[in-house]
């Protein structure tokens, strides 16, 4: 649970990101299992970014409170280091 010191709108945004990330990861996993696609971190991050935009358009206000673009870029750097890309 996030600290009460974090503003409510940012807590909502972080919770939304966690749900969105789980959703995108689940869809990617299903694609790999059932459609025999290969795991692809770059595609996963791209789909996350597209879905985030769609969720914002659908009214996920908490996402707008965060600079999610920066989060995705940092995630790419960390994943690149982790996967040796």
PDB file of N, CA and C in Angstrom:
ATOM      1  N   UNK A   1       0.840  -1.177   0.000  1.00  0.00           N
ATOM      2  CA  UNK A   1       0.000   0.000   0.000  1.00  0.00           C
ATOM      3  C   UNK A   1       0.882   1.236   0.000  1.00  0.00           C
ATOM      4  N   UNK A   2       0.523   2.184  -0.839  1.00  0.00           N
ATOM      5  CA  UNK A   2       1.306   3.404  -0.945  1.00  0.00           C
ATOM      6  C   UNK A   2       1.082   4.297   0.272  1.00  0.00           C
ATOM      7  N   UNK A   3       2.109   5.029   0.614  1.00  0.00           N
ATOM      8  CA  UNK A   3       2.056   5.908   1.762  1.00  0.00           C
ATOM      9  C   UNK A   3       1.006   6.997   1.584  1.00  0.00           C
ATOM     10  N   UNK A   4       0.403   7.378   2.688  1.00  0.00           N
ATOM     11  CA  UNK A   4      -0.579   8.472   2.667  1.00  0.00           C
ATOM     12  C   UNK A   4       0.105   9.810   2.382  1.00  0.00           C
ATOM     13  N   UNK A   5       1.446   9.858   2.444  1.00  0.00           N
ATOM     14  CA  UNK A   5       2.182  11.084   2.148  1.00  0.00           C
ATOM     15  C   UNK A   5       2.166  11.395   0.653  1.00  0.00           C
ATOM     16  N   UNK A   6       1.928  10.375  -0.168  1.00  0.00           N
ATOM     17  CA  UNK A   6       1.841  10.569  -1.615  1.00  0.00           C
ATOM     18  C   UNK A   6       0.444  11.116  -1.914  1.00  0.00           C
ATOM     19  N   UNK A   7       0.358  12.210  -2.688  1.00  0.00           N
ATOM     20  CA  UNK A   7      -0.960  12.770  -3.002  1.00  0.00           C
ATOM     21  C   UNK A   7      -1.879  11.723  -3.627  1.00  0.00           C
ATOM     22  N   UNK A   8      -3.178  11.847  -3.329  1.00  0.00           N
ATOM     23  CA  UNK A   8      -4.159  10.851  -3.755  1.00  0.00           C
ATOM     24  C   UNK A   8      -4.140  10.638  -5.263  1.00  0.00           C
ATOM     25  N   UNK A   9      -4.054  11.714  -6.036  1.00  0.00           N
ATOM     26  CA  UNK A   9      -4.085  11.575  -7.497  1.00  0.00           C
ATOM     27  C   UNK A   9      -2.873  10.782  -8.003  1.00  0.00           C
ATOM     28  N   UNK A  10      -1.718  10.997  -7.392  1.00  0.00           N
ATOM     29  CA  UNK A  10      -0.529  10.237  -7.791  1.00  0.00           C
ATOM     30  C   UNK A  10      -0.642   8.777  -7.358  1.00  0.00           C
ATOM     31  N   UNK A  11      -1.210   8.525  -6.180  1.00  0.00           N
ATOM     32  CA  UNK A  11      -1.429   7.139  -5.745  1.00  0.00           C
ATOM     33  C   UNK A  11      -2.350   6.427  -6.720  1.00  0.00           C
ATOM     34  N   UNK A  12      -3.401   7.121  -7.129  1.00  0.00           N
ATOM     35  CA  UNK A  12      -4.330   6.545  -8.097  1.00  0.00           C
ATOM     36  C   UNK A  12      -3.612   6.237  -9.402  1.00  0.00           C
ATOM     37  N   UNK A  13      -2.756   7.154  -9.842  1.00  0.00           N
ATOM     38  CA  UNK A  13      -1.996   6.945 -11.073  1.00  0.00           C
ATOM     39  C   UNK A  13      -1.057   5.755 -10.984  1.00  0.00           C
ATOM     40  N   UNK A  14      -0.382   5.631  -9.856  1.00  0.00           N
ATOM     41  CA  UNK A  14       0.544   4.508  -9.673  1.00  0.00           C
ATOM     42  C   UNK A  14      -0.220   3.187  -9.660  1.00  0.00           C
ATOM     43  N   UNK A  15      -1.353   3.170  -8.971  1.00  0.00           N
ATOM     44  CA  UNK A  15      -2.176   1.949  -8.960  1.00  0.00           C
ATOM     45  C   UNK A  15      -2.659   1.610 -10.361  1.00  0.00           C
ATOM     46  N   UNK A  16      -3.022   2.619 -11.130  1.00  0.00           N
ATOM     47  CA  UNK A  16      -3.470   2.396 -12.506  1.00  0.00           C
ATOM     48  C   UNK A  16      -2.344   1.846 -13.363  1.00  0.00           C
ATOM     49  N   UNK A  17      -1.136   2.356 -13.183  1.00  0.00           N
ATOM     50  CA  UNK A  17       0.018   1.854 -13.939  1.00  0.00           C
ATOM     51  C   UNK A  17       0.258   0.379 -13.623  1.00  0.00           C
ATOM     52  N   UNK A  18       0.130   0.014 -12.346  1.00  0.00           N
ATOM     53  CA  UNK A  18       0.343  -1.380 -11.952  1.00  0.00           C
ATOM     54  C   UNK A  18      -0.690  -2.280 -12.631  1.00  0.00           C
ATOM     55  N   UNK A  19      -1.941  -1.852 -12.622  1.00  0.00           N
ATOM     56  CA  UNK A  19      -2.998  -2.633 -13.265  1.00  0.00           C
ATOM     57  C   UNK A  19      -2.765  -2.714 -14.769  1.00  0.00           C
ATOM     58  N   UNK A  20      -2.416  -1.585 -15.381  1.00  0.00           N
ATOM     59  CA  UNK A  20      -2.165  -1.552 -16.822  1.00  0.00           C
ATOM     60  C   UNK A  20      -0.990  -2.448 -17.198  1.00  0.00           C
ATOM     61  N   UNK A  21       0.076  -2.381 -16.423  1.00  0.00           N
ATOM     62  CA  UNK A  21       1.255  -3.206 -16.709  1.00  0.00           C
ATOM     63  C   UNK A  21       0.913  -4.691 -16.606  1.00  0.00           C
ATOM     64  N   UNK A  22       0.147  -5.055 -15.589  1.00  0.00           N
ATOM     65  CA  UNK A  22      -0.261  -6.457 -15.444  1.00  0.00           C
ATOM     66  C   UNK A  22      -1.127  -6.892 -16.627  1.00  0.00           C
ATOM     67  N   UNK A  23      -2.023  -6.022 -17.065  1.00  0.00           N
ATOM     68  CA  UNK A  23      -2.908  -6.322 -18.193  1.00  0.00           C
ATOM     69  C   UNK A  23      -2.105  -6.532 -19.479  1.00  0.00           C
ATOM     70  N   UNK A  24      -1.183  -5.620 -19.760  1.00  0.00           N
ATOM     71  CA  UNK A  24      -0.380  -5.711 -20.983  1.00  0.00           C
ATOM     72  C   UNK A  24       0.517  -6.945 -20.923  1.00  0.00           C
ATOM     73  N   UNK A  25       1.118  -7.199 -19.778  1.00  0.00           N
ATOM     74  CA  UNK A  25       1.971  -8.378 -19.624  1.00  0.00           C
ATOM     75  C   UNK A  25       1.161  -9.660 -19.818  1.00  0.00           C
ATOM     76  N   UNK A  26      -0.048  -9.706 -19.275  1.00  0.00           N
ATOM     77  CA  UNK A  26      -0.918 -10.877 -19.424  1.00  0.00           C
ATOM     78  C   UNK A  26      -1.266 -11.094 -20.895  1.00  0.00           C
ATOM     79  N   UNK A  27      -1.629 -10.013 -21.605  1.00  0.00           N
ATOM     80  CA  UNK A  27      -1.974 -10.143 -23.018  1.00  0.00           C
ATOM     81  C   UNK A  27      -0.769 -10.619 -23.834  1.00  0.00           C
ATOM     82  N   UNK A  28       0.419 -10.104 -23.508  1.00  0.00           N
ATOM     83  CA  UNK A  28       1.636 -10.503 -24.223  1.00  0.00           C
ATOM     84  C   UNK A  28       1.950 -11.976 -23.947  1.00  0.00           C
ATOM     85  N   UNK A  29       1.791 -12.376 -22.709  1.00  0.00           N
ATOM     86  CA  UNK A  29       2.023 -13.769 -22.339  1.00  0.00           C
ATOM     87  C   UNK A  29       1.061 -14.689 -23.088  1.00  0.00           C
ATOM     88  N   UNK A  30      -0.201 -14.310 -23.151  1.00  0.00           N
ATOM     89  CA  UNK A  30      -1.179 -15.118 -23.886  1.00  0.00           C
ATOM     90  C   UNK A  30      -0.823 -15.209 -25.363  1.00  0.00           C
ATOM     91  N   UNK A  31      -0.344 -14.120 -25.927  1.00  0.00           N
ATOM     92  CA  UNK A  31       0.071 -14.132 -27.321  1.00  0.00           C
ATOM     93  C   UNK A  31       1.233 -15.112 -27.531  1.00  0.00           C
ATOM     94  N   UNK A  32       2.163 -15.122 -26.600  1.00  0.00           N
ATOM     95  CA  UNK A  32       3.302 -16.042 -26.703  1.00  0.00           C
ATOM     96  C   UNK A  32       2.852 -17.501 -26.558  1.00  0.00           C
ATOM     97  N   UNK A  33       1.949 -17.752 -25.634  1.00  0.00           N
ATOM     98  CA  UNK A  33       1.517 -19.121 -25.371  1.00  0.00           C
ATOM     99  C   UNK A  33       0.591 -19.645 -26.464  1.00  0.00           C
ATOM    100  N   UNK A  34      -0.404 -18.854 -26.840  1.00  0.00           N
ATOM    101  CA  UNK A  34      -1.447 -19.354 -27.728  1.00  0.00           C
ATOM    102  C   UNK A  34      -1.219 -19.047 -29.209  1.00  0.00           C
ATOM    103  N   UNK A  35      -0.447 -17.978 -29.508  1.00  0.00           N
ATOM    104  CA  UNK A  35      -0.200 -17.612 -30.907  1.00  0.00           C
ATOM    105  C   UNK A  35       1.230 -17.912 -31.335  1.00  0.00           C
ATOM    106  N   UNK A  36       2.003 -18.508 -30.440  1.00  0.00           N
ATOM    107  CA  UNK A  36       3.400 -18.866 -30.707  1.00  0.00           C
ATOM    108  C   UNK A  36       4.263 -17.680 -31.131  1.00  0.00           C
ATOM    109  N   UNK A  37       3.968 -16.490 -30.581  1.00  0.00           N
ATOM    110  CA  UNK A  37       4.848 -15.349 -30.835  1.00  0.00           C
ATOM    111  C   UNK A  37       6.009 -15.406 -29.854  1.00  0.00           C
ATOM    112  N   UNK A  38       7.072 -14.745 -30.201  1.00  0.00           N
ATOM    113  CA  UNK A  38       8.247 -14.723 -29.332  1.00  0.00           C
ATOM    114  C   UNK A  38       8.154 -13.548 -28.361  1.00  0.00           C
ATOM    115  N   UNK A  39       8.601 -13.725 -27.128  1.00  0.00           N
ATOM    116  CA  UNK A  39       8.612 -12.604 -26.184  1.00  0.00           C
ATOM    117  C   UNK A  39       9.466 -11.462 -26.738  1.00  0.00           C
ATOM    118  N   UNK A  40       8.975 -10.247 -26.609  1.00  0.00           N
ATOM    119  CA  UNK A  40       9.659  -9.094 -27.168  1.00  0.00           C
ATOM    120  C   UNK A  40       9.445  -7.910 -26.226  1.00  0.00           C
ATOM    121  N   UNK A  41      10.488  -7.527 -25.520  1.00  0.00           N
ATOM    122  CA  UNK A  41      10.385  -6.447 -24.539  1.00  0.00           C
ATOM    123  C   UNK A  41      10.084  -5.117 -25.218  1.00  0.00           C
ATOM    124  N   UNK A  42      10.705  -4.842 -26.351  1.00  0.00           N
ATOM    125  CA  UNK A  42      10.451  -3.580 -27.058  1.00  0.00           C
ATOM    126  C   UNK A  42       8.982  -3.477 -27.467  1.00  0.00           C
ATOM    127  N   UNK A  43       8.426  -4.557 -27.988  1.00  0.00           N
ATOM    128  CA  UNK A  43       7.014  -4.558 -28.379  1.00  0.00           C
ATOM    129  C   UNK A  43       6.127  -4.400 -27.142  1.00  0.00           C
ATOM    130  N   UNK A  44       6.487  -5.043 -26.058  1.00  0.00           N
ATOM    131  CA  UNK A  44       5.724  -4.949 -24.817  1.00  0.00           C
ATOM    132  C   UNK A  44       5.672  -3.501 -24.322  1.00  0.00           C
ATOM    133  N   UNK A  45       6.802  -2.810 -24.334  1.00  0.00           N
ATOM    134  CA  UNK A  45       6.843  -1.419 -23.903  1.00  0.00           C
ATOM    135  C   UNK A  45       6.070  -0.509 -24.855  1.00  0.00           C
ATOM    136  N   UNK A  46       6.143  -0.800 -26.136  1.00  0.00           N
ATOM    137  CA  UNK A  46       5.397  -0.023 -27.121  1.00  0.00           C
ATOM    138  C   UNK A  46       3.889  -0.192 -26.902  1.00  0.00           C
ATOM    139  N   UNK A  47       3.456  -1.417 -26.683  1.00  0.00           N
ATOM    140  CA  UNK A  47       2.040  -1.682 -26.437  1.00  0.00           C
ATOM    141  C   UNK A  47       1.606  -1.010 -25.134  1.00  0.00           C
ATOM    142  N   UNK A  48       2.462  -1.047 -24.118  1.00  0.00           N
ATOM    143  CA  UNK A  48       2.153  -0.370 -22.856  1.00  0.00           C
ATOM    144  C   UNK A  48       1.919   1.113 -23.097  1.00  0.00           C
ATOM    145  N   UNK A  49       2.789   1.742 -23.876  1.00  0.00           N
ATOM    146  CA  UNK A  49       2.653   3.166 -24.160  1.00  0.00           C
ATOM    147  C   UNK A  49       1.348   3.463 -24.904  1.00  0.00           C
ATOM    148  N   UNK A  50       1.023   2.636 -25.885  1.00  0.00           N
ATOM    149  CA  UNK A  50      -0.221   2.823 -26.640  1.00  0.00           C
ATOM    150  C   UNK A  50      -1.444   2.642 -25.733  1.00  0.00           C
ATOM    151  N   UNK A  51      -1.425   1.607 -24.920  1.00  0.00           N
ATOM    152  CA  UNK A  51      -2.541   1.347 -24.016  1.00  0.00           C
ATOM    153  C   UNK A  51      -2.686   2.468 -22.993  1.00  0.00           C
ATOM    154  N   UNK A  52      -1.556   2.979 -22.493  1.00  0.00           N
ATOM    155  CA  UNK A  52      -1.599   4.091 -21.538  1.00  0.00           C
ATOM    156  C   UNK A  52      -2.309   5.281 -22.161  1.00  0.00           C
ATOM    157  N   UNK A  53      -1.980   5.582 -23.411  1.00  0.00           N
ATOM    158  CA  UNK A  53      -2.619   6.697 -24.119  1.00  0.00           C
ATOM    159  C   UNK A  53      -4.125   6.447 -24.230  1.00  0.00           C
ATOM    160  N   UNK A  54      -4.498   5.238 -24.590  1.00  0.00           N
ATOM    161  CA  UNK A  54      -5.919   4.912 -24.719  1.00  0.00           C
ATOM    162  C   UNK A  54      -6.638   5.002 -23.372  1.00  0.00           C
ATOM    163  N   UNK A  55      -5.982   4.539 -22.316  1.00  0.00           N
ATOM    164  CA  UNK A  55      -6.588   4.627 -20.994  1.00  0.00           C
ATOM    165  C   UNK A  55      -6.773   6.087 -20.582  1.00  0.00           C
ATOM    166  N   UNK A  56      -5.800   6.948 -20.927  1.00  0.00           N
ATOM    167  CA  UNK A  56      -5.943   8.378 -20.638  1.00  0.00           C
ATOM    168  C   UNK A  56      -7.139   8.950 -21.383  1.00  0.00           C
ATOM    169  N   UNK A  57      -7.276   8.597 -22.657  1.00  0.00           N
ATOM    170  CA  UNK A  57      -8.413   9.069 -23.439  1.00  0.00           C
ATOM    171  C   UNK A  57      -9.735   8.569 -22.865  1.00  0.00           C
ATOM    172  N   UNK A  58      -9.709   7.378 -22.277  1.00  0.00           N
ATOM    173  CA  UNK A  58     -10.914   6.792 -21.696  1.00  0.00           C
ATOM    174  C   UNK A  58     -11.249   7.394 -20.332  1.00  0.00           C
ATOM    175  N   UNK A  59     -10.352   8.218 -19.791  1.00  0.00           N
ATOM    176  CA  UNK A  59     -10.655   8.915 -18.547  1.00  0.00           C
ATOM    177  C   UNK A  59      -9.837   8.527 -17.340  1.00  0.00           C
ATOM    178  N   UNK A  60      -8.743   7.826 -17.517  1.00  0.00           N
ATOM    179  CA  UNK A  60      -7.879   7.459 -16.382  1.00  0.00           C
ATOM    180  C   UNK A  60      -7.083   8.696 -15.962  1.00  0.00           C
ATOM    181  N   UNK A  61      -7.691   9.536 -15.139  1.00  0.00           N
ATOM    182  CA  UNK A  61      -7.092  10.826 -14.758  1.00  0.00           C
ATOM    183  C   UNK A  61      -5.789  10.657 -13.991  1.00  0.00           C
ATOM    184  N   UNK A  62      -5.676   9.601 -13.205  1.00  0.00           N
ATOM    185  CA  UNK A  62      -4.473   9.411 -12.404  1.00  0.00           C
ATOM    186  C   UNK A  62      -3.217   9.279 -13.245  1.00  0.00           C
ATOM    187  N   UNK A  63      -3.364   8.735 -14.458  1.00  0.00           N
ATOM    188  CA  UNK A  63      -2.199   8.597 -15.333  1.00  0.00           C
ATOM    189  C   UNK A  63      -1.668   9.953 -15.777  1.00  0.00           C
ATOM    190  N   UNK A  64      -2.571  10.907 -15.941  1.00  0.00           N
ATOM    191  CA  UNK A  64      -2.144  12.245 -16.369  1.00  0.00           C
ATOM    192  C   UNK A  64      -1.341  12.952 -15.286  1.00  0.00           C
ATOM    193  N   UNK A  65      -1.546  12.562 -14.041  1.00  0.00           N
ATOM    194  CA  UNK A  65      -0.841  13.186 -12.925  1.00  0.00           C
ATOM    195  C   UNK A  65       0.623  12.751 -12.871  1.00  0.00           C
ATOM    196  N   UNK A  66       0.947  11.686 -13.569  1.00  0.00           N
ATOM    197  CA  UNK A  66       2.311  11.158 -13.576  1.00  0.00           C
ATOM    198  C   UNK A  66       2.955  11.401 -14.926  1.00  0.00           C
ATOM    199  N   UNK A  67       4.257  11.471 -14.955  1.00  0.00           N
ATOM    200  CA  UNK A  67       4.972  11.547 -16.227  1.00  0.00           C
ATOM    201  C   UNK A  67       5.313  10.123 -16.630  1.00  0.00           C
ATOM    202  N   UNK A  68       4.316   9.420 -17.163  1.00  0.00           N
ATOM    203  CA  UNK A  68       4.478   8.010 -17.482  1.00  0.00           C
ATOM    204  C   UNK A  68       5.478   7.816 -18.611  1.00  0.00           C
ATOM    205  N   UNK A  69       5.581   8.782 -19.525  1.00  0.00           N
ATOM    206  CA  UNK A  69       6.565   8.678 -20.601  1.00  0.00           C
ATOM    207  C   UNK A  69       7.959   8.495 -20.041  1.00  0.00           C
ATOM    208  N   UNK A  70       8.267   9.248 -18.993  1.00  0.00           N
ATOM    209  CA  UNK A  70       9.578   9.108 -18.359  1.00  0.00           C
ATOM    210  C   UNK A  70       9.703   7.732 -17.723  1.00  0.00           C
ATOM    211  N   UNK A  71       8.633   7.237 -17.121  1.00  0.00           N
ATOM    212  CA  UNK A  71       8.672   5.901 -16.509  1.00  0.00           C
ATOM    213  C   UNK A  71       8.974   4.840 -17.559  1.00  0.00           C
ATOM    214  N   UNK A  72       8.356   4.955 -18.728  1.00  0.00           N
ATOM    215  CA  UNK A  72       8.590   3.977 -19.789  1.00  0.00           C
ATOM    216  C   UNK A  72      10.034   4.049 -20.255  1.00  0.00           C
ATOM    217  N   UNK A  73      10.580   5.263 -20.429  1.00  0.00           N
ATOM    218  CA  UNK A  73      11.979   5.396 -20.860  1.00  0.00           C
ATOM    219  C   UNK A  73      12.923   4.787 -19.832  1.00  0.00           C
ATOM    220  N   UNK A  74      12.673   5.044 -18.546  1.00  0.00           N
ATOM    221  CA  UNK A  74      13.517   4.448 -17.506  1.00  0.00           C
ATOM    222  C   UNK A  74      13.385   2.939 -17.516  1.00  0.00           C
ATOM    223  N   UNK A  75      12.194   2.440 -17.743  1.00  0.00           N
ATOM    224  CA  UNK A  75      11.982   1.002 -17.823  1.00  0.00           C
ATOM    225  C   UNK A  75      12.748   0.397 -18.975  1.00  0.00           C
ATOM    226  N   UNK A  76      12.806   1.087 -20.104  1.00  0.00           N
ATOM    227  CA  UNK A  76      13.552   0.590 -21.252  1.00  0.00           C
ATOM    228  C   UNK A  76      15.034   0.504 -20.927  1.00  0.00           C
ATOM    229  N   UNK A  77      15.556   1.509 -20.244  1.00  0.00           N
ATOM    230  CA  UNK A  77      16.973   1.510 -19.879  1.00  0.00           C
ATOM    231  C   UNK A  77      17.261   0.347 -18.932  1.00  0.00           C
ATOM    232  N   UNK A  78      16.424   0.171 -17.917  1.00  0.00           N
ATOM    233  CA  UNK A  78      16.633  -0.907 -16.945  1.00  0.00           C
ATOM    234  C   UNK A  78      16.503  -2.273 -17.607  1.00  0.00           C
ATOM    235  N   UNK A  79      15.492  -2.430 -18.461  1.00  0.00           N
ATOM    236  CA  UNK A  79      15.312  -3.707 -19.138  1.00  0.00           C
ATOM    237  C   UNK A  79      16.460  -3.989 -20.108  1.00  0.00           C
ATOM    238  N   UNK A  80      16.965  -2.965 -20.769  1.00  0.00           N
ATOM    239  CA  UNK A  80      18.075  -3.149 -21.687  1.00  0.00           C
ATOM    240  C   UNK A  80      19.304  -3.629 -20.920  1.00  0.00           C
ATOM    241  N   UNK A  81      19.533  -3.054 -19.772  1.00  0.00           N
ATOM    242  CA  UNK A  81      20.679  -3.490 -18.952  1.00  0.00           C
ATOM    243  C   UNK A  81      20.482  -4.910 -18.466  1.00  0.00           C
ATOM    244  N   UNK A  82      19.245  -5.208 -18.049  1.00  0.00           N
ATOM    245  CA  UNK A  82      18.932  -6.522 -17.514  1.00  0.00           C
ATOM    246  C   UNK A  82      19.028  -7.605 -18.568  1.00  0.00           C
ATOM    247  N   UNK A  83      18.509  -7.315 -19.773  1.00  0.00           N
ATOM    248  CA  UNK A  83      18.459  -8.347 -20.809  1.00  0.00           C
ATOM    249  C   UNK A  83      19.712  -8.380 -21.685  1.00  0.00           C
ATOM    250  N   UNK A  84      20.599  -7.403 -21.499  1.00  0.00           N
ATOM    251  CA  UNK A  84      21.830  -7.375 -22.283  1.00  0.00           C
ATOM    252  C   UNK A  84      21.629  -6.906 -23.702  1.00  0.00           C
ATOM    253  N   UNK A  85      20.565  -6.128 -23.956  1.00  0.00           N
ATOM    254  CA  UNK A  85      20.310  -5.613 -25.311  1.00  0.00           C
ATOM    255  C   UNK A  85      21.290  -4.528 -25.683  1.00  0.00           C
TER     256      UNK A  85
END
